[in-house]
Amino acid sequence: MSLRRFLGLYYAYAFLFDFILAYAFYTALFELEGLSITQIGLLLAFWSATAIVLEMPSGALSDHFDRRWLLVAAPLFKALTFLFWIVAAGNFWLYAAGFLFWSLAQALQSGSREALLYERMAHDGRTGDYDKVLGRDNAAEELGIGFGALLGGLVAWLSFDWGLWLSIPPLLLASALAFWLEDVRKLKAPEEPEQAPAGYLSHFVDALNEFRHQADLRFVTTYIAVGLVVFQLIEEFDQLYFLAVGLPVWAWGIAAAAVEFLYAGASLFAHRLGGRPWLAWLLPLLGGALLIAASIGTTPWFVLMLCAAYVVMAPLNVLAEARFQRVMEGKSRATTTSALVMAENVSGIVGTLAFGALADRVGILPAYGWAGLVMAPLALWVIYGQRQGRRATD
């Protein structure tokens, strides 16, 4: 299969995996079905915890077996989430089972997808274009989320059940497409010697050795999992921000979709910013300043500041993830990538709890301002690291 056709199928897979109508309403569904806010919080915490537990074992599976089969299975497990929720009818444990399958689906595809893509680019001698292709990957994912949220809001207005049912067909199609995403590790040239397969646990050792011996890998991992993750975790509180500045409820979905579409556009052009390592500290400062500006909001117009903060950070996510893949040297690529995702999840839980506690104490708007101030020490740390010869982006 040509690289162009492979990438077309890959982008379609990324879009369909997140073209989920239920994204627009599932927390509201839980409340309307009789769950308390405490129970909803427990579900979300369980979701994050299971994602952490499953992430690295699934990455090792991907390194041990054909990555394609994990990508086939992931959408099918995610589809089970919505089947469980359809029949749950307020049952806490069925909702929890749905989140367990969602975590498993996310874990199966997260490390596998990035590794499969990078290895195919390397196979074709195109690693120099990886950040460009990764930007399109991120854009496809964000467009899937955005269109899913827009359509999901309209369908949910008629029926929540229909929103859940219609979240399943895109996942079935994604699973079918994954059959064609060939794992190039299985394509051996005749002259290549046959190697004995490594044991499953050896992939964990490989990943550990990568982080022990690669200072650059530790640096970019910390940058992503401790620095950039701030913007991901505060996004979970945006509906509270909307309430605080008086944004009408009917505009919430529009605002969320607009961020996704603009984020997708910024991801597409991220590769054009490569070769400028100073952006790794400048853009966080700019994003932090926009959060501080958003925190003084008194009218719905300040939502534009918040949206701009997210969009400004989009190129860094692409460039830093591309840097992570290029720095990696070991064979257990999916396991090492899963370690990064696991670190993001752990940091996300700690950060979410800290941000929630801060918002309870000082208010939701000032909490966004404090999150913006965190970008100042991050920028200083990046500048120091660059003077030591380390980089967060290429």
Foldseek 3Di string as FASTA:
>chain_A
DDPVVLLVLLLLLLLLLQLALCVQDVLVVLVVLPDDPVLSVVLVVLLLVLLLVQQLLLLLVVLQDWLLQLQLVLLVLLLVLLVLVLPCSNPSVSNSSSSNSNSNSCNNCQLSSLVLLCVVCVVVPNLVCQLLSLLSSLLSNLLSNLNSNVVSVVVVVVPNSVSSVVSNVSSNVSSVSSVPSGRCVPVDDPVDDDDDRDDSCVLVVLLVVQVVPFPQLVVLLCCVQQPVLLLVLCVVCVVVLCVQQVPDPVCPSVLSSVLSNLLSVLSNCLSVVAPCLLLSQVLLLQLLVLLLQLLVHNHNVSSVSSSVSSSSCSSLVSQLVSSNQVSDDDSSRSSNSSVSVSSNSVSSVVSNVVLVVVCVVPNNSVSSNVSSVVSVVSSVVQVVVVVVVHGSGD
